[in-house]
Amino acid sequence: MSNIQNPLLRAIDICSGVSSLAAAIGENQTTVSMWKSRDSVPSKYWDAIESAVSSKVTAIDFLEYERAKKLAISAA
């Protein structure tokens, strides 16, 4: 895959942890942990995450990351 960094990992870092990000978007820590382990965040949460991190990670970042993952799979 290209050098696109996982936007969820960036958001977790910005919020200083999974629990803090989860609280900021109104989800439980287990949900965010599952997204992390699955390397996928449902698109309906992208805007909430963007708001929680003051647009330091955007919905476009998630879209580009998902596209890069699909391209890497199709190239394999």
Protein backbone atom coordinates (compact mmCIF):
# COMPACT_ATOMS: atom_id res chain seq x y z
CA MET A 1 0.00 0.00 0.00
CA SER A 2 1.11 3.56 -0.50
CA ASN A 3 2.39 5.77 2.31
CA ILE A 4 -1.08 6.85 3.39
CA GLN A 5 -1.27 6.67 7.19
CA ASN A 6 -4.30 5.10 8.85
CA PRO A 7 -6.53 8.06 9.76
CA LEU A 8 -8.05 6.24 12.73
CA LEU A 9 -4.61 5.74 14.26
CA ARG A 10 -3.90 9.45 13.76
CA ALA A 11 -7.20 10.38 15.42
CA ILE A 12 -6.49 8.05 18.34
CA ASP A 13 -3.07 9.67 18.74
CA ILE A 14 -4.52 13.19 18.58
CA CYS A 15 -7.07 12.28 21.28
CA SER A 16 -4.42 10.57 23.40
CA GLY A 17 -6.06 7.17 23.26
CA VAL A 18 -8.92 4.99 22.15
CA SER A 19 -11.08 5.78 25.18
CA SER A 20 -10.76 9.53 24.68
CA LEU A 21 -11.65 9.31 21.00
CA ALA A 22 -14.59 7.04 21.79
CA ALA A 23 -15.92 9.49 24.38
CA ALA A 24 -15.48 12.42 21.99
CA ILE A 25 -17.65 10.76 19.33
CA GLY A 26 -20.19 9.23 21.73
CA GLU A 27 -19.21 5.62 21.18
CA ASN A 28 -17.87 3.04 23.58
CA GLN A 29 -14.21 2.12 23.74
CA THR A 30 -14.88 -1.43 22.51
CA THR A 31 -16.39 -0.14 19.27
CA VAL A 32 -13.39 2.04 18.46
CA SER A 33 -11.02 -0.78 19.43
CA MET A 34 -12.81 -3.09 17.00
CA TRP A 35 -12.45 -0.53 14.21
CA LYS A 36 -8.75 -0.39 14.99
CA SER A 37 -8.32 -4.15 14.93
CA ARG A 38 -10.36 -4.47 11.72
CA ASP A 39 -8.51 -1.56 10.11
CA SER A 40 -11.84 -0.10 9.06
CA VAL A 41 -14.18 2.62 10.30
CA PRO A 42 -17.79 2.74 9.04
CA SER A 43 -18.21 5.84 6.91
CA LYS A 44 -21.11 7.13 9.02
CA TYR A 45 -18.54 7.92 11.77
CA TRP A 46 -16.00 9.77 9.65
CA ASP A 47 -17.58 13.21 10.17
CA ALA A 48 -17.83 12.70 13.93
CA ILE A 49 -14.17 11.76 14.10
CA GLU A 50 -13.26 14.77 11.97
CA SER A 51 -15.13 17.03 14.40
CA ALA A 52 -13.58 15.36 17.44
CA VAL A 53 -10.06 16.07 16.20
CA SER A 54 -10.74 19.59 14.92
CA SER A 55 -10.34 18.49 11.28
CA LYS A 56 -6.77 17.27 11.82
CA VAL A 57 -8.12 14.05 10.31
CA THR A 58 -10.86 14.44 7.71
CA ALA A 59 -13.50 12.29 6.06
CA ILE A 60 -11.43 12.65 2.89
CA ASP A 61 -8.48 11.05 4.72
CA PHE A 62 -10.66 8.03 5.49
CA LEU A 63 -11.87 7.86 1.89
CA GLU A 64 -8.33 8.01 0.51
CA TYR A 65 -7.19 5.35 2.99
CA GLU A 66 -10.02 3.00 2.00
CA ARG A 67 -9.24 3.53 -1.70
CA ALA A 68 -5.55 2.81 -1.11
CA LYS A 69 -6.44 -0.43 0.70
CA LYS A 70 -8.64 -1.54 -2.21
CA LEU A 71 -5.93 -0.72 -4.74
CA ALA A 72 -3.39 -2.70 -2.72
CA ILE A 73 -5.70 -5.71 -2.63
CA SER A 74 -6.43 -5.56 -6.35
CA ALA A 75 -2.72 -5.23 -7.16
CA ALA A 76 -1.83 -8.31 -5.10
